[in-house]
Amino acid sequence: MASKNRTIGDHVGALLSGYIDGELTQQEGQRVELHCDACADCRQELGDLRALRDDVGNARLSEMGEDVWREKMDDTTVRVSRGIGWLLFIGGILIAAGMAIYEFIIDSSIEPWVKFLFAAIYGGLALLFLSVLRQRLLERKTDKYRDVEI
């Protein structure tokens, strides 16, 4: 049987969380089980950790049900405000890009070959973006995973 004069190093407190989660090797798990059979302190701590794990697992972050939450997140106000936000963001980006392009074109201190190089790079990126966007819009019509909820 276990000695009554145990030191702190003899306890398996550091292994209890791993034991509850099933992350220990078979040998470590057996060591924890045998120790908890003989040690009331560790047995109590194991029970407390199990209760805490159950409480956290059963906790709800909101009193609102999932269906109600989904409805609120997809109502007309949310969709309209999201659409306006995207419109303002993209519009601002396009205006800023247009101003930068205009300044780049009329600036006479930049060599024409540098202007051509930048035009080729950004034109290529724009074409790649548009091709991917077109492909996604076409696939969106027939996407069988569109309504899958994660």
C-alpha atoms as a PDB file:
ATOM      1  CA  MET A   1       0.000   0.000   0.000  1.00  0.00           C
ATOM      2  CA  ALA A   2       1.021   3.583  -0.331  1.00  0.00           C
ATOM      3  CA  SER A   3       2.924   5.328   2.385  1.00  0.00           C
ATOM      4  CA  LYS A   4       1.247   8.068   4.416  1.00  0.00           C
ATOM      5  CA  ASN A   5       4.421  10.198   4.212  1.00  0.00           C
ATOM      6  CA  ARG A   6       4.260  11.149   0.532  1.00  0.00           C
ATOM      7  CA  THR A   7       6.059  14.119  -0.902  1.00  0.00           C
ATOM      8  CA  ILE A   8       4.536  16.485  -3.425  1.00  0.00           C
ATOM      9  CA  GLY A   9       6.591  14.789  -6.158  1.00  0.00           C
ATOM     10  CA  ASP A  10       4.735  11.516  -5.527  1.00  0.00           C
ATOM     11  CA  HIS A  11       1.370  12.999  -6.543  1.00  0.00           C
ATOM     12  CA  VAL A  12       0.137  12.762 -10.127  1.00  0.00           C
ATOM     13  CA  GLY A  13      -1.549  16.178 -10.300  1.00  0.00           C
ATOM     14  CA  ALA A  14       0.347  17.158 -13.445  1.00  0.00           C
ATOM     15  CA  LEU A  15      -0.969  14.061 -15.236  1.00  0.00           C
ATOM     16  CA  LEU A  16      -4.640  14.380 -14.261  1.00  0.00           C
ATOM     17  CA  SER A  17      -5.643  16.698 -17.108  1.00  0.00           C
ATOM     18  CA  GLY A  18      -3.991  14.423 -19.647  1.00  0.00           C
ATOM     19  CA  TYR A  19      -5.683  11.434 -18.045  1.00  0.00           C
ATOM     20  CA  ILE A  20      -9.126  13.006 -18.367  1.00  0.00           C
ATOM     21  CA  ASP A  21      -8.465  13.925 -21.998  1.00  0.00           C
ATOM     22  CA  GLY A  22      -7.160  10.423 -22.821  1.00  0.00           C
ATOM     23  CA  GLU A  23      -3.756  11.748 -23.830  1.00  0.00           C
ATOM     24  CA  LEU A  24      -1.591   9.570 -21.570  1.00  0.00           C
ATOM     25  CA  THR A  25       0.141   6.368 -22.476  1.00  0.00           C
ATOM     26  CA  GLN A  26      -1.297   3.166 -21.044  1.00  0.00           C
ATOM     27  CA  GLN A  27       1.455   3.030 -18.452  1.00  0.00           C
ATOM     28  CA  GLU A  28       0.884   6.629 -17.328  1.00  0.00           C
ATOM     29  CA  GLY A  29      -2.887   6.073 -17.214  1.00  0.00           C
ATOM     30  CA  GLN A  30      -2.466   3.013 -15.021  1.00  0.00           C
ATOM     31  CA  ARG A  31      -0.112   4.957 -12.757  1.00  0.00           C
ATOM     32  CA  VAL A  32      -2.742   7.696 -12.336  1.00  0.00           C
ATOM     33  CA  GLU A  33      -5.499   5.154 -11.642  1.00  0.00           C
ATOM     34  CA  LEU A  34      -3.441   3.285  -9.044  1.00  0.00           C
ATOM     35  CA  HIS A  35      -2.340   6.493  -7.393  1.00  0.00           C
ATOM     36  CA  CYS A  36      -5.882   7.910  -7.261  1.00  0.00           C
ATOM     37  CA  ASP A  37      -7.127   4.663  -5.687  1.00  0.00           C
ATOM     38  CA  ALA A  38      -4.694   5.235  -2.830  1.00  0.00           C
ATOM     39  CA  CYS A  39      -4.612   9.042  -2.599  1.00  0.00           C
ATOM     40  CA  ALA A  40      -7.739  10.934  -1.509  1.00  0.00           C
ATOM     41  CA  ASP A  41      -6.283  14.334  -2.501  1.00  0.00           C
ATOM     42  CA  CYS A  42      -5.568  13.313  -6.082  1.00  0.00           C
ATOM     43  CA  ARG A  43      -8.880  11.449  -6.307  1.00  0.00           C
ATOM     44  CA  GLN A  44     -10.679  14.637  -5.200  1.00  0.00           C
ATOM     45  CA  GLU A  45      -8.697  16.727  -7.705  1.00  0.00           C
ATOM     46  CA  LEU A  46      -9.544  14.256 -10.475  1.00  0.00           C
ATOM     47  CA  GLY A  47     -13.233  14.499  -9.577  1.00  0.00           C
ATOM     48  CA  ASP A  48     -13.038  18.298  -9.561  1.00  0.00           C
ATOM     49  CA  LEU A  49     -11.356  18.336 -12.984  1.00  0.00           C
ATOM     50  CA  ARG A  50     -13.994  15.984 -14.403  1.00  0.00           C
ATOM     51  CA  ALA A  51     -16.773  18.190 -13.037  1.00  0.00           C
ATOM     52  CA  LEU A  52     -15.100  21.285 -14.490  1.00  0.00           C
ATOM     53  CA  ARG A  53     -14.734  19.601 -17.873  1.00  0.00           C
ATOM     54  CA  ASP A  54     -18.422  18.621 -17.838  1.00  0.00           C
ATOM     55  CA  ASP A  55     -19.470  22.146 -16.836  1.00  0.00           C
ATOM     56  CA  VAL A  56     -17.407  23.732 -19.610  1.00  0.00           C
ATOM     57  CA  GLY A  57     -18.646  21.191 -22.140  1.00  0.00           C
ATOM     58  CA  ASN A  58     -22.267  21.894 -21.266  1.00  0.00           C
ATOM     59  CA  ALA A  59     -21.887  25.674 -21.080  1.00  0.00           C
ATOM     60  CA  ARG A  60     -23.762  27.836 -23.569  1.00  0.00           C
ATOM     61  CA  LEU A  61     -22.368  31.158 -24.638  1.00  0.00           C
ATOM     62  CA  SER A  62     -25.788  32.547 -25.378  1.00  0.00           C
ATOM     63  CA  GLU A  63     -29.319  31.935 -24.221  1.00  0.00           C
ATOM     64  CA  MET A  64     -30.412  32.361 -27.831  1.00  0.00           C
ATOM     65  CA  GLY A  65     -30.885  29.157 -29.815  1.00  0.00           C
ATOM     66  CA  GLU A  66     -28.799  28.420 -32.895  1.00  0.00           C
ATOM     67  CA  ASP A  67     -31.727  28.872 -35.284  1.00  0.00           C
ATOM     68  CA  VAL A  68     -32.629  32.265 -33.834  1.00  0.00           C
ATOM     69  CA  TRP A  69     -28.968  33.301 -33.956  1.00  0.00           C
ATOM     70  CA  ARG A  70     -28.705  32.331 -37.645  1.00  0.00           C
ATOM     71  CA  GLU A  71     -31.886  34.223 -38.471  1.00  0.00           C
ATOM     72  CA  LYS A  72     -30.615  37.355 -36.740  1.00  0.00           C
ATOM     73  CA  MET A  73     -27.260  37.152 -38.513  1.00  0.00           C
ATOM     74  CA  ASP A  74     -28.922  36.781 -41.920  1.00  0.00           C
ATOM     75  CA  ASP A  75     -31.772  39.265 -41.668  1.00  0.00           C
ATOM     76  CA  THR A  76     -32.360  42.087 -44.132  1.00  0.00           C
ATOM     77  CA  THR A  77     -30.666  44.776 -42.033  1.00  0.00           C
ATOM     78  CA  VAL A  78     -27.464  42.770 -41.751  1.00  0.00           C
ATOM     79  CA  ARG A  79     -27.396  41.977 -45.464  1.00  0.00           C
ATOM     80  CA  VAL A  80     -28.067  45.595 -46.473  1.00  0.00           C
ATOM     81  CA  SER A  81     -25.475  47.044 -44.099  1.00  0.00           C
ATOM     82  CA  ARG A  82     -22.926  44.450 -45.221  1.00  0.00           C
ATOM     83  CA  GLY A  83     -23.637  45.304 -48.862  1.00  0.00           C
ATOM     84  CA  ILE A  84     -23.302  49.044 -48.238  1.00  0.00           C
ATOM     85  CA  GLY A  85     -20.071  48.456 -46.321  1.00  0.00           C
ATOM     86  CA  TRP A  86     -18.574  46.435 -49.167  1.00  0.00           C
ATOM     87  CA  LEU A  87     -19.737  49.016 -51.708  1.00  0.00           C
ATOM     88  CA  LEU A  88     -18.108  51.870 -49.774  1.00  0.00           C
ATOM     89  CA  PHE A  89     -14.909  49.898 -49.223  1.00  0.00           C
ATOM     90  CA  ILE A  90     -14.530  48.829 -52.849  1.00  0.00           C
ATOM     91  CA  GLY A  91     -15.516  52.292 -54.089  1.00  0.00           C
ATOM     92  CA  GLY A  92     -12.888  53.910 -51.877  1.00  0.00           C
ATOM     93  CA  ILE A  93     -10.226  51.478 -53.041  1.00  0.00           C
ATOM     94  CA  LEU A  94     -11.115  52.100 -56.697  1.00  0.00           C
ATOM     95  CA  ILE A  95     -11.030  55.877 -56.261  1.00  0.00           C
ATOM     96  CA  ALA A  96      -7.665  55.741 -54.471  1.00  0.00           C
ATOM     97  CA  ALA A  97      -6.269  53.377 -57.120  1.00  0.00           C
ATOM     98  CA  GLY A  98      -7.585  55.629 -59.900  1.00  0.00           C
ATOM     99  CA  MET A  99      -5.947  58.685 -58.364  1.00  0.00           C
ATOM    100  CA  ALA A 100      -2.651  56.795 -57.970  1.00  0.00           C
ATOM    101  CA  ILE A 101      -2.773  55.583 -61.564  1.00  0.00           C
ATOM    102  CA  TYR A 102      -3.558  59.082 -62.825  1.00  0.00           C
ATOM    103  CA  GLU A 103      -0.632  60.558 -60.869  1.00  0.00           C
ATOM    104  CA  PHE A 104       1.642  57.760 -62.062  1.00  0.00           C
ATOM    105  CA  ILE A 105       0.702  58.348 -65.716  1.00  0.00           C
ATOM    106  CA  ILE A 106       1.078  62.133 -65.719  1.00  0.00           C
ATOM    107  CA  ASP A 107       4.326  62.152 -63.694  1.00  0.00           C
ATOM    108  CA  SER A 108       7.007  62.983 -66.287  1.00  0.00           C
ATOM    109  CA  SER A 109       9.936  62.117 -64.003  1.00  0.00           C
ATOM    110  CA  ILE A 110       9.212  58.368 -64.321  1.00  0.00           C
ATOM    111  CA  GLU A 111      10.733  56.583 -67.317  1.00  0.00           C
ATOM    112  CA  PRO A 112       8.243  55.140 -69.834  1.00  0.00           C
ATOM    113  CA  TRP A 113       9.669  51.611 -69.479  1.00  0.00           C
ATOM    114  CA  VAL A 114       9.060  51.728 -65.703  1.00  0.00           C
ATOM    115  CA  LYS A 115       5.472  52.800 -66.365  1.00  0.00           C
ATOM    116  CA  PHE A 116       5.072  49.910 -68.809  1.00  0.00           C
ATOM    117  CA  LEU A 117       6.578  47.459 -66.298  1.00  0.00           C
ATOM    118  CA  PHE A 118       4.183  48.506 -63.528  1.00  0.00           C
ATOM    119  CA  ALA A 119       1.263  48.511 -65.957  1.00  0.00           C
ATOM    120  CA  ALA A 120       2.140  44.933 -66.992  1.00  0.00           C
ATOM    121  CA  ILE A 121       2.423  43.724 -63.385  1.00  0.00           C
ATOM    122  CA  TYR A 122      -0.781  45.320 -62.138  1.00  0.00           C
ATOM    123  CA  GLY A 123      -2.650  44.538 -65.355  1.00  0.00           C
ATOM    124  CA  GLY A 124      -1.678  40.867 -64.985  1.00  0.00           C
ATOM    125  CA  LEU A 125      -2.839  40.833 -61.372  1.00  0.00           C
ATOM    126  CA  ALA A 126      -6.121  42.457 -62.367  1.00  0.00           C
ATOM    127  CA  LEU A 127      -6.696  39.861 -65.113  1.00  0.00           C
ATOM    128  CA  LEU A 128      -5.936  37.005 -62.711  1.00  0.00           C
ATOM    129  CA  PHE A 129      -8.332  38.449 -60.142  1.00  0.00           C
ATOM    130  CA  LEU A 130     -11.079  38.901 -62.722  1.00  0.00           C
ATOM    131  CA  SER A 131     -10.647  35.355 -64.051  1.00  0.00           C
ATOM    132  CA  VAL A 132     -10.892  33.871 -60.541  1.00  0.00           C
ATOM    133  CA  LEU A 133     -13.872  36.104 -59.740  1.00  0.00           C
ATOM    134  CA  ARG A 134     -15.636  35.030 -62.953  1.00  0.00           C
ATOM    135  CA  GLN A 135     -14.948  31.365 -62.196  1.00  0.00           C
ATOM    136  CA  ARG A 136     -16.307  31.663 -58.637  1.00  0.00           C
ATOM    137  CA  LEU A 137     -19.438  33.450 -59.848  1.00  0.00           C
ATOM    138  CA  LEU A 138     -20.087  30.736 -62.430  1.00  0.00           C
ATOM    139  CA  GLU A 139     -19.494  27.938 -59.908  1.00  0.00           C
ATOM    140  CA  ARG A 140     -21.725  29.642 -57.363  1.00  0.00           C
ATOM    141  CA  LYS A 141     -24.800  28.758 -59.408  1.00  0.00           C
ATOM    142  CA  THR A 142     -24.127  25.018 -59.245  1.00  0.00           C
ATOM    143  CA  ASP A 143     -22.243  24.731 -55.940  1.00  0.00           C
ATOM    144  CA  LYS A 144     -23.767  21.727 -54.161  1.00  0.00           C
ATOM    145  CA  TYR A 145     -22.107  22.704 -50.862  1.00  0.00           C
ATOM    146  CA  ARG A 146     -23.529  26.227 -50.794  1.00  0.00           C
ATOM    147  CA  ASP A 147     -26.103  25.556 -48.072  1.00  0.00           C
ATOM    148  CA  VAL A 148     -23.878  23.325 -45.927  1.00  0.00           C
ATOM    149  CA  GLU A 149     -23.521  24.693 -42.404  1.00  0.00           C
ATOM    150  CA  ILE A 150     -20.327  24.169 -40.485  1.00  0.00           C
END
